[in-house]
């Protein structure tokens, strides 16, 4: 069964303004639990916008390293359970064998004191190297990417409360974009949409409307993109991870201003005199 839910809901609230207070309506985004189940067992539950479920499932499977190629998925079935969405993902034999081994490795005995070690290693997994990429951008591409992404955010325009992730290709603009209440979810949905469309991740740059955490760098590398651009700041771990992966991390893109934290050679005119 294909799940179809409203992405927004109209609510009434008291709007306090300088001129007084009055009742008014406003559109707010919906969010719902989305469970990813592999081989009939729930692997993760995310709070997400109720849209683009197949993109989400495919992208999550790719960026979390559960599959290496979309062809390793046999089927994706989306079911609305009322309380949330259950996405059953059936993996083909070899991928399923790898996944089952991964689950056994992460399931340590209760109370052993070391059970979390492999889970920590999983969270800090190595990131795909993207340093060989020859993609370069002009400074105007960076500012243009953020501006163009803002025009492909209908849900944000309606609610002002969701994130977006887009894929920018020089000369073509934003060729794909996805929105979600969660920044990681938006990037996973983008990854799935790119994979379904057969778009090579190395052909462009990821642009996001959020801060850059280490997970955003990991997922961008899984897509195969060597450049991530963001409107907000990165974390220190994200910077170190991007640097080690050979990824160009551009953040704090505001108007014509932006900061390049790693591998600035991919952005022309990226080296300037010292500023505070």
C-alpha atoms as a PDB file:
ATOM      1  CA  UNK A   1       0.000   0.000   0.000  1.00  0.00           C
ATOM      2  CA  UNK A   2       1.323   3.426  -0.891  1.00  0.00           C
ATOM      3  CA  UNK A   3       1.169   5.895   1.989  1.00  0.00           C
ATOM      4  CA  UNK A   4      -0.203   9.333   1.256  1.00  0.00           C
ATOM      5  CA  UNK A   5      -0.351  11.954   3.968  1.00  0.00           C
ATOM      6  CA  UNK A   6      -0.709  15.693   4.112  1.00  0.00           C
ATOM      7  CA  UNK A   7       2.614  17.485   4.408  1.00  0.00           C
ATOM      8  CA  UNK A   8       1.064  20.479   6.200  1.00  0.00           C
ATOM      9  CA  UNK A   9      -1.820  21.303   8.543  1.00  0.00           C
ATOM     10  CA  UNK A  10      -3.567  24.611   9.132  1.00  0.00           C
ATOM     11  CA  UNK A  11      -3.753  25.637  12.778  1.00  0.00           C
ATOM     12  CA  UNK A  12      -5.064  28.693  14.586  1.00  0.00           C
ATOM     13  CA  UNK A  13      -2.905  30.679  16.987  1.00  0.00           C
ATOM     14  CA  UNK A  14      -2.722  34.029  18.734  1.00  0.00           C
ATOM     15  CA  UNK A  15      -0.437  36.331  16.813  1.00  0.00           C
ATOM     16  CA  UNK A  16       1.125  39.004  19.004  1.00  0.00           C
ATOM     17  CA  UNK A  17       2.387  42.012  17.063  1.00  0.00           C
ATOM     18  CA  UNK A  18       3.360  45.564  17.905  1.00  0.00           C
ATOM     19  CA  UNK A  19      -0.153  46.676  16.992  1.00  0.00           C
ATOM     20  CA  UNK A  20      -1.875  44.135  19.235  1.00  0.00           C
ATOM     21  CA  UNK A  21      -2.888  40.475  19.479  1.00  0.00           C
ATOM     22  CA  UNK A  22      -5.320  38.660  17.221  1.00  0.00           C
ATOM     23  CA  UNK A  23      -6.341  35.124  16.296  1.00  0.00           C
ATOM     24  CA  UNK A  24      -4.963  33.991  12.946  1.00  0.00           C
ATOM     25  CA  UNK A  25      -4.337  30.827  10.959  1.00  0.00           C
ATOM     26  CA  UNK A  26      -0.960  29.430   9.994  1.00  0.00           C
ATOM     27  CA  UNK A  27       0.298  26.421   8.051  1.00  0.00           C
ATOM     28  CA  UNK A  28       2.638  24.139   9.987  1.00  0.00           C
ATOM     29  CA  UNK A  29       4.542  21.082   8.722  1.00  0.00           C
ATOM     30  CA  UNK A  30       3.539  17.572   9.695  1.00  0.00           C
ATOM     31  CA  UNK A  31       6.080  15.101  11.055  1.00  0.00           C
ATOM     32  CA  UNK A  32       5.572  11.416  11.628  1.00  0.00           C
ATOM     33  CA  UNK A  33       7.591   8.398  12.768  1.00  0.00           C
ATOM     34  CA  UNK A  34       9.082   6.563   9.795  1.00  0.00           C
ATOM     35  CA  UNK A  35      10.445   3.090  10.495  1.00  0.00           C
ATOM     36  CA  UNK A  36      12.997   1.436   8.227  1.00  0.00           C
ATOM     37  CA  UNK A  37      12.682  -2.334   8.424  1.00  0.00           C
ATOM     38  CA  UNK A  38      15.121  -4.768   6.810  1.00  0.00           C
ATOM     39  CA  UNK A  39      14.369  -8.488   6.643  1.00  0.00           C
ATOM     40  CA  UNK A  40      11.263  -7.856   8.733  1.00  0.00           C
ATOM     41  CA  UNK A  41      13.192  -6.240  11.599  1.00  0.00           C
ATOM     42  CA  UNK A  42      13.052  -2.546  12.426  1.00  0.00           C
ATOM     43  CA  UNK A  43      16.499  -1.010  12.044  1.00  0.00           C
ATOM     44  CA  UNK A  44      15.799   2.687  12.702  1.00  0.00           C
ATOM     45  CA  UNK A  45      12.908   5.064  13.332  1.00  0.00           C
ATOM     46  CA  UNK A  46      13.151   8.678  12.170  1.00  0.00           C
ATOM     47  CA  UNK A  47      10.821  11.617  12.714  1.00  0.00           C
ATOM     48  CA  UNK A  48      10.283  12.947   9.212  1.00  0.00           C
ATOM     49  CA  UNK A  49       8.030  14.816   6.826  1.00  0.00           C
ATOM     50  CA  UNK A  50       5.459  12.402   5.343  1.00  0.00           C
ATOM     51  CA  UNK A  51       6.647  12.592   1.734  1.00  0.00           C
ATOM     52  CA  UNK A  52       9.161  11.037  -0.690  1.00  0.00           C
ATOM     53  CA  UNK A  53       9.189   7.760   1.242  1.00  0.00           C
ATOM     54  CA  UNK A  54      10.886   5.663  -1.453  1.00  0.00           C
ATOM     55  CA  UNK A  55      13.578   8.306  -1.952  1.00  0.00           C
ATOM     56  CA  UNK A  56      14.056   8.313   1.816  1.00  0.00           C
ATOM     57  CA  UNK A  57      14.378   4.543   2.049  1.00  0.00           C
ATOM     58  CA  UNK A  58      16.802   4.285  -0.864  1.00  0.00           C
ATOM     59  CA  UNK A  59      18.876   7.266   0.274  1.00  0.00           C
ATOM     60  CA  UNK A  60      19.060   6.082   3.896  1.00  0.00           C
ATOM     61  CA  UNK A  61      20.150   2.626   2.758  1.00  0.00           C
ATOM     62  CA  UNK A  62      22.909   4.148   0.618  1.00  0.00           C
ATOM     63  CA  UNK A  63      24.197   6.841   2.969  1.00  0.00           C
ATOM     64  CA  UNK A  64      24.217   4.506   5.977  1.00  0.00           C
ATOM     65  CA  UNK A  65      26.262   1.952   4.049  1.00  0.00           C
ATOM     66  CA  UNK A  66      23.594  -0.762   4.171  1.00  0.00           C
ATOM     67  CA  UNK A  67      23.795  -1.077   0.388  1.00  0.00           C
ATOM     68  CA  UNK A  68      26.468   0.005  -2.073  1.00  0.00           C
ATOM     69  CA  UNK A  69      24.187   0.137  -5.099  1.00  0.00           C
ATOM     70  CA  UNK A  70      20.418   0.631  -5.608  1.00  0.00           C
ATOM     71  CA  UNK A  71      20.348  -2.716  -7.444  1.00  0.00           C
ATOM     72  CA  UNK A  72      20.964  -4.453  -4.118  1.00  0.00           C
ATOM     73  CA  UNK A  73      17.379  -3.636  -3.099  1.00  0.00           C
ATOM     74  CA  UNK A  74      14.800  -6.160  -4.234  1.00  0.00           C
ATOM     75  CA  UNK A  75      11.722  -4.187  -3.193  1.00  0.00           C
ATOM     76  CA  UNK A  76      10.512  -1.260  -1.100  1.00  0.00           C
ATOM     77  CA  UNK A  77       7.031  -1.395   0.401  1.00  0.00           C
ATOM     78  CA  UNK A  78       5.539   1.588   2.233  1.00  0.00           C
ATOM     79  CA  UNK A  79       2.676   1.017   4.664  1.00  0.00           C
ATOM     80  CA  UNK A  80       0.729   3.555   6.705  1.00  0.00           C
ATOM     81  CA  UNK A  81       0.139   2.091  10.168  1.00  0.00           C
ATOM     82  CA  UNK A  82      -1.784   5.094  11.452  1.00  0.00           C
ATOM     83  CA  UNK A  83       0.664   5.898  14.233  1.00  0.00           C
ATOM     84  CA  UNK A  84       3.467   6.087  11.691  1.00  0.00           C
ATOM     85  CA  UNK A  85       4.908   4.833   8.432  1.00  0.00           C
ATOM     86  CA  UNK A  86       6.591   1.445   8.114  1.00  0.00           C
ATOM     87  CA  UNK A  87       8.950   1.023   5.164  1.00  0.00           C
ATOM     88  CA  UNK A  88       9.835  -2.605   4.502  1.00  0.00           C
ATOM     89  CA  UNK A  89      13.073  -2.863   2.500  1.00  0.00           C
ATOM     90  CA  UNK A  90      13.914  -6.266   1.052  1.00  0.00           C
ATOM     91  CA  UNK A  91      17.583  -6.726   0.244  1.00  0.00           C
ATOM     92  CA  UNK A  92      18.968  -9.148  -2.303  1.00  0.00           C
ATOM     93  CA  UNK A  93      20.928 -12.147  -1.028  1.00  0.00           C
ATOM     94  CA  UNK A  94      24.461 -10.767  -0.782  1.00  0.00           C
ATOM     95  CA  UNK A  95      23.365  -7.403   0.633  1.00  0.00           C
ATOM     96  CA  UNK A  96      21.055  -9.145   3.116  1.00  0.00           C
ATOM     97  CA  UNK A  97      23.908 -11.408   4.271  1.00  0.00           C
ATOM     98  CA  UNK A  98      26.118  -8.345   4.886  1.00  0.00           C
ATOM     99  CA  UNK A  99      23.334  -6.578   6.740  1.00  0.00           C
ATOM    100  CA  UNK A 100      22.589  -9.560   8.999  1.00  0.00           C
ATOM    101  CA  UNK A 101      26.304  -9.852   9.844  1.00  0.00           C
ATOM    102  CA  UNK A 102      26.359  -6.149  10.658  1.00  0.00           C
ATOM    103  CA  UNK A 103      23.372  -6.503  12.999  1.00  0.00           C
ATOM    104  CA  UNK A 104      25.002  -9.423  14.830  1.00  0.00           C
ATOM    105  CA  UNK A 105      28.233  -7.468  15.199  1.00  0.00           C
ATOM    106  CA  UNK A 106      26.454  -4.498  16.784  1.00  0.00           C
ATOM    107  CA  UNK A 107      24.310  -6.580  19.159  1.00  0.00           C
ATOM    108  CA  UNK A 108      26.538  -7.036  22.202  1.00  0.00           C
ATOM    109  CA  UNK A 109      25.592  -8.802  25.472  1.00  0.00           C
ATOM    110  CA  UNK A 110      23.644  -6.703  27.960  1.00  0.00           C
ATOM    111  CA  UNK A 111      25.706  -5.120  30.737  1.00  0.00           C
ATOM    112  CA  UNK A 112      29.116  -6.030  29.369  1.00  0.00           C
ATOM    113  CA  UNK A 113      30.432  -2.475  29.645  1.00  0.00           C
ATOM    114  CA  UNK A 114      31.921  -2.670  26.159  1.00  0.00           C
ATOM    115  CA  UNK A 115      28.714  -3.109  24.192  1.00  0.00           C
ATOM    116  CA  UNK A 116      28.833   0.408  22.816  1.00  0.00           C
ATOM    117  CA  UNK A 117      32.339   0.210  21.398  1.00  0.00           C
ATOM    118  CA  UNK A 118      31.334  -1.089  17.967  1.00  0.00           C
ATOM    119  CA  UNK A 119      28.301   1.206  17.917  1.00  0.00           C
ATOM    120  CA  UNK A 120      30.644   4.142  18.489  1.00  0.00           C
ATOM    121  CA  UNK A 121      32.873   2.873  15.698  1.00  0.00           C
ATOM    122  CA  UNK A 122      29.801   2.594  13.484  1.00  0.00           C
ATOM    123  CA  UNK A 123      28.898   6.217  14.180  1.00  0.00           C
ATOM    124  CA  UNK A 124      32.484   7.249  13.451  1.00  0.00           C
ATOM    125  CA  UNK A 125      32.791   5.033  10.384  1.00  0.00           C
ATOM    126  CA  UNK A 126      35.319   5.923   7.730  1.00  0.00           C
ATOM    127  CA  UNK A 127      34.137   8.318   5.062  1.00  0.00           C
ATOM    128  CA  UNK A 128      34.444   7.653   1.346  1.00  0.00           C
ATOM    129  CA  UNK A 129      37.400   9.565  -0.104  1.00  0.00           C
ATOM    130  CA  UNK A 130      36.348  12.154  -2.677  1.00  0.00           C
ATOM    131  CA  UNK A 131      39.682  13.932  -3.075  1.00  0.00           C
ATOM    132  CA  UNK A 132      40.146  12.737  -6.665  1.00  0.00           C
ATOM    133  CA  UNK A 133      37.229  14.874  -7.851  1.00  0.00           C
ATOM    134  CA  UNK A 134      38.151  17.551 -10.380  1.00  0.00           C
ATOM    135  CA  UNK A 135      34.920  19.501  -9.997  1.00  0.00           C
ATOM    136  CA  UNK A 136      35.507  23.218  -9.447  1.00  0.00           C
ATOM    137  CA  UNK A 137      33.148  26.099  -8.790  1.00  0.00           C
ATOM    138  CA  UNK A 138      33.303  29.836  -9.230  1.00  0.00           C
ATOM    139  CA  UNK A 139      32.489  32.010  -6.237  1.00  0.00           C
ATOM    140  CA  UNK A 140      29.266  32.978  -7.997  1.00  0.00           C
ATOM    141  CA  UNK A 141      28.268  29.292  -8.139  1.00  0.00           C
ATOM    142  CA  UNK A 142      28.321  29.107  -4.340  1.00  0.00           C
ATOM    143  CA  UNK A 143      26.044  32.085  -3.824  1.00  0.00           C
ATOM    144  CA  UNK A 144      23.856  31.098  -6.782  1.00  0.00           C
ATOM    145  CA  UNK A 145      23.347  27.566  -5.442  1.00  0.00           C
ATOM    146  CA  UNK A 146      21.918  28.803  -2.152  1.00  0.00           C
ATOM    147  CA  UNK A 147      19.736  31.365  -3.896  1.00  0.00           C
ATOM    148  CA  UNK A 148      18.388  28.817  -6.377  1.00  0.00           C
ATOM    149  CA  UNK A 149      17.699  26.264  -3.649  1.00  0.00           C
ATOM    150  CA  UNK A 150      15.503  28.784  -1.851  1.00  0.00           C
ATOM    151  CA  UNK A 151      13.264  28.805  -4.928  1.00  0.00           C
ATOM    152  CA  UNK A 152      12.766  25.031  -4.715  1.00  0.00           C
ATOM    153  CA  UNK A 153      11.410  24.916  -1.186  1.00  0.00           C
ATOM    154  CA  UNK A 154       7.608  25.028  -1.489  1.00  0.00           C
ATOM    155  CA  UNK A 155       7.085  23.421   1.921  1.00  0.00           C
ATOM    156  CA  UNK A 156       9.387  25.936   3.611  1.00  0.00           C
ATOM    157  CA  UNK A 157       7.709  28.796   1.765  1.00  0.00           C
ATOM    158  CA  UNK A 158       4.386  27.612   3.204  1.00  0.00           C
ATOM    159  CA  UNK A 159       5.532  26.880   6.750  1.00  0.00           C
ATOM    160  CA  UNK A 160       8.966  28.418   7.351  1.00  0.00           C
ATOM    161  CA  UNK A 161       9.893  25.336   9.350  1.00  0.00           C
ATOM    162  CA  UNK A 162      11.688  22.738   7.207  1.00  0.00           C
ATOM    163  CA  UNK A 163      15.168  22.096   5.826  1.00  0.00           C
ATOM    164  CA  UNK A 164      16.188  21.444   2.246  1.00  0.00           C
ATOM    165  CA  UNK A 165      19.030  19.671   0.465  1.00  0.00           C
ATOM    166  CA  UNK A 166      19.779  20.294  -3.186  1.00  0.00           C
ATOM    167  CA  UNK A 167      22.213  19.133  -5.840  1.00  0.00           C
ATOM    168  CA  UNK A 168      23.908  21.900  -7.798  1.00  0.00           C
ATOM    169  CA  UNK A 169      25.543  21.268 -11.170  1.00  0.00           C
ATOM    170  CA  UNK A 170      27.558  24.118 -12.719  1.00  0.00           C
ATOM    171  CA  UNK A 171      25.798  25.455 -15.788  1.00  0.00           C
ATOM    172  CA  UNK A 172      22.541  23.680 -14.890  1.00  0.00           C
ATOM    173  CA  UNK A 173      21.684  24.999 -11.425  1.00  0.00           C
ATOM    174  CA  UNK A 174      19.780  22.930  -8.850  1.00  0.00           C
ATOM    175  CA  UNK A 175      18.865  19.737 -10.682  1.00  0.00           C
ATOM    176  CA  UNK A 176      17.276  17.989  -7.688  1.00  0.00           C
ATOM    177  CA  UNK A 177      16.005  19.085  -4.266  1.00  0.00           C
ATOM    178  CA  UNK A 178      14.163  17.543  -1.339  1.00  0.00           C
ATOM    179  CA  UNK A 179      12.665  19.003   1.858  1.00  0.00           C
ATOM    180  CA  UNK A 180      12.067  17.582   5.321  1.00  0.00           C
ATOM    181  CA  UNK A 181      11.657  18.673   8.930  1.00  0.00           C
ATOM    182  CA  UNK A 182      14.977  16.913   9.565  1.00  0.00           C
ATOM    183  CA  UNK A 183      18.169  18.081   7.874  1.00  0.00           C
ATOM    184  CA  UNK A 184      19.584  14.535   7.712  1.00  0.00           C
ATOM    185  CA  UNK A 185      16.308  13.299   6.262  1.00  0.00           C
ATOM    186  CA  UNK A 186      16.330  15.932   3.531  1.00  0.00           C
ATOM    187  CA  UNK A 187      19.835  14.836   2.534  1.00  0.00           C
ATOM    188  CA  UNK A 188      18.863  11.149   2.579  1.00  0.00           C
ATOM    189  CA  UNK A 189      15.850  11.904   0.385  1.00  0.00           C
ATOM    190  CA  UNK A 190      18.101  13.811  -1.998  1.00  0.00           C
ATOM    191  CA  UNK A 191      20.531  10.879  -2.121  1.00  0.00           C
ATOM    192  CA  UNK A 192      17.693   8.522  -3.004  1.00  0.00           C
ATOM    193  CA  UNK A 193      16.282  10.833  -5.655  1.00  0.00           C
ATOM    194  CA  UNK A 194      19.714  11.206  -7.285  1.00  0.00           C
ATOM    195  CA  UNK A 195      20.235   7.439  -7.293  1.00  0.00           C
ATOM    196  CA  UNK A 196      16.803   6.790  -8.815  1.00  0.00           C
ATOM    197  CA  UNK A 197      17.483   9.365 -11.535  1.00  0.00           C
ATOM    198  CA  UNK A 198      20.920   7.916 -12.248  1.00  0.00           C
ATOM    199  CA  UNK A 199      22.681  11.230 -11.522  1.00  0.00           C
ATOM    200  CA  UNK A 200      26.379  10.861 -10.726  1.00  0.00           C
ATOM    201  CA  UNK A 201      27.122  12.417  -7.341  1.00  0.00           C
ATOM    202  CA  UNK A 202      30.572  13.472  -8.538  1.00  0.00           C
ATOM    203  CA  UNK A 203      29.005  15.730 -11.174  1.00  0.00           C
ATOM    204  CA  UNK A 204      27.871  18.393  -8.732  1.00  0.00           C
ATOM    205  CA  UNK A 205      27.816  19.789  -5.211  1.00  0.00           C
ATOM    206  CA  UNK A 206      25.470  19.296  -2.273  1.00  0.00           C
ATOM    207  CA  UNK A 207      23.880  22.434  -0.830  1.00  0.00           C
ATOM    208  CA  UNK A 208      21.947  22.426   2.455  1.00  0.00           C
ATOM    209  CA  UNK A 209      19.961  24.938   4.468  1.00  0.00           C
ATOM    210  CA  UNK A 210      21.315  23.753   7.817  1.00  0.00           C
ATOM    211  CA  UNK A 211      24.510  23.559   9.816  1.00  0.00           C
ATOM    212  CA  UNK A 212      27.049  20.904   8.794  1.00  0.00           C
ATOM    213  CA  UNK A 213      27.507  18.078  11.285  1.00  0.00           C
ATOM    214  CA  UNK A 214      29.712  15.049  10.731  1.00  0.00           C
ATOM    215  CA  UNK A 215      26.703  13.035   9.527  1.00  0.00           C
ATOM    216  CA  UNK A 216      26.083  15.546   6.761  1.00  0.00           C
ATOM    217  CA  UNK A 217      29.681  15.122   5.610  1.00  0.00           C
ATOM    218  CA  UNK A 218      29.397  11.319   5.769  1.00  0.00           C
ATOM    219  CA  UNK A 219      26.199  11.334   3.716  1.00  0.00           C
ATOM    220  CA  UNK A 220      27.601  13.790   1.164  1.00  0.00           C
ATOM    221  CA  UNK A 221      30.637  11.547   0.691  1.00  0.00           C
ATOM    222  CA  UNK A 222      28.337   8.535   0.256  1.00  0.00           C
ATOM    223  CA  UNK A 223      26.568  10.432  -2.520  1.00  0.00           C
ATOM    224  CA  UNK A 224      29.986  10.882  -4.138  1.00  0.00           C
ATOM    225  CA  UNK A 225      30.017  14.682  -4.031  1.00  0.00           C
ATOM    226  CA  UNK A 226      33.293  16.447  -3.227  1.00  0.00           C
ATOM    227  CA  UNK A 227      31.706  19.770  -2.242  1.00  0.00           C
ATOM    228  CA  UNK A 228      29.143  20.591   0.417  1.00  0.00           C
ATOM    229  CA  UNK A 229      27.784  24.121   0.843  1.00  0.00           C
ATOM    230  CA  UNK A 230      25.666  25.284   3.772  1.00  0.00           C
ATOM    231  CA  UNK A 231      23.977  28.422   5.021  1.00  0.00           C
ATOM    232  CA  UNK A 232      25.030  27.743   8.634  1.00  0.00           C
ATOM    233  CA  UNK A 233      28.262  26.837  10.400  1.00  0.00           C
ATOM    234  CA  UNK A 234      30.027  23.457  10.573  1.00  0.00           C
ATOM    235  CA  UNK A 235      31.106  21.542  13.651  1.00  0.00           C
ATOM    236  CA  UNK A 236      34.784  20.929  14.362  1.00  0.00           C
ATOM    237  CA  UNK A 237      34.378  17.193  13.744  1.00  0.00           C
ATOM    238  CA  UNK A 238      32.657  17.881  10.423  1.00  0.00           C
ATOM    239  CA  UNK A 239      35.607  20.033   9.373  1.00  0.00           C
ATOM    240  CA  UNK A 240      38.152  17.378  10.335  1.00  0.00           C
ATOM    241  CA  UNK A 241      36.155  14.661   8.599  1.00  0.00           C
ATOM    242  CA  UNK A 242      35.716  16.688   5.406  1.00  0.00           C
ATOM    243  CA  UNK A 243      39.406  17.523   5.381  1.00  0.00           C
ATOM    244  CA  UNK A 244      40.408  13.864   5.732  1.00  0.00           C
ATOM    245  CA  UNK A 245      37.993  12.825   2.981  1.00  0.00           C
ATOM    246  CA  UNK A 246      39.331  15.452   0.564  1.00  0.00           C
ATOM    247  CA  UNK A 247      35.991  17.270   0.594  1.00  0.00           C
ATOM    248  CA  UNK A 248      35.562  21.016   0.149  1.00  0.00           C
ATOM    249  CA  UNK A 249      33.373  22.364   2.944  1.00  0.00           C
ATOM    250  CA  UNK A 250      31.834  25.776   2.338  1.00  0.00           C
ATOM    251  CA  UNK A 251      29.601  27.238   5.029  1.00  0.00           C
ATOM    252  CA  UNK A 252      27.977  30.421   6.299  1.00  0.00           C
ATOM    253  CA  UNK A 253      26.830  31.287   2.789  1.00  0.00           C
ATOM    254  CA  UNK A 254      25.018  34.598   3.297  1.00  0.00           C
ATOM    255  CA  UNK A 255      24.427  36.758   0.243  1.00  0.00           C
ATOM    256  CA  UNK A 256      27.792  37.099  -1.488  1.00  0.00           C
ATOM    257  CA  UNK A 257      29.747  36.083   1.616  1.00  0.00           C
ATOM    258  CA  UNK A 258      30.884  32.584   2.542  1.00  0.00           C
ATOM    259  CA  UNK A 259      33.686  30.758   4.350  1.00  0.00           C
ATOM    260  CA  UNK A 260      35.737  27.864   2.945  1.00  0.00           C
ATOM    261  CA  UNK A 261      36.939  25.534   5.703  1.00  0.00           C
ATOM    262  CA  UNK A 262      38.635  22.728   3.762  1.00  0.00           C
ATOM    263  CA  UNK A 263      40.254  22.190   0.345  1.00  0.00           C
ATOM    264  CA  UNK A 264      39.653  25.705  -1.046  1.00  0.00           C
ATOM    265  CA  UNK A 265      41.244  24.856  -4.422  1.00  0.00           C
ATOM    266  CA  UNK A 266      37.852  23.769  -5.748  1.00  0.00           C
ATOM    267  CA  UNK A 267      36.405  27.270  -5.438  1.00  0.00           C
ATOM    268  CA  UNK A 268      37.976  29.842  -7.753  1.00  0.00           C
ATOM    269  CA  UNK A 269      38.899  33.087  -5.980  1.00  0.00           C
ATOM    270  CA  UNK A 270      38.567  31.117  -2.758  1.00  0.00           C
ATOM    271  CA  UNK A 271      41.765  32.491  -1.249  1.00  0.00           C
ATOM    272  CA  UNK A 272      41.533  36.034   0.073  1.00  0.00           C
ATOM    273  CA  UNK A 273      43.340  38.269   2.515  1.00  0.00           C
ATOM    274  CA  UNK A 274      42.837  37.557   6.199  1.00  0.00           C
ATOM    275  CA  UNK A 275      39.495  38.571   7.650  1.00  0.00           C
ATOM    276  CA  UNK A 276      38.192  38.250  11.185  1.00  0.00           C
END
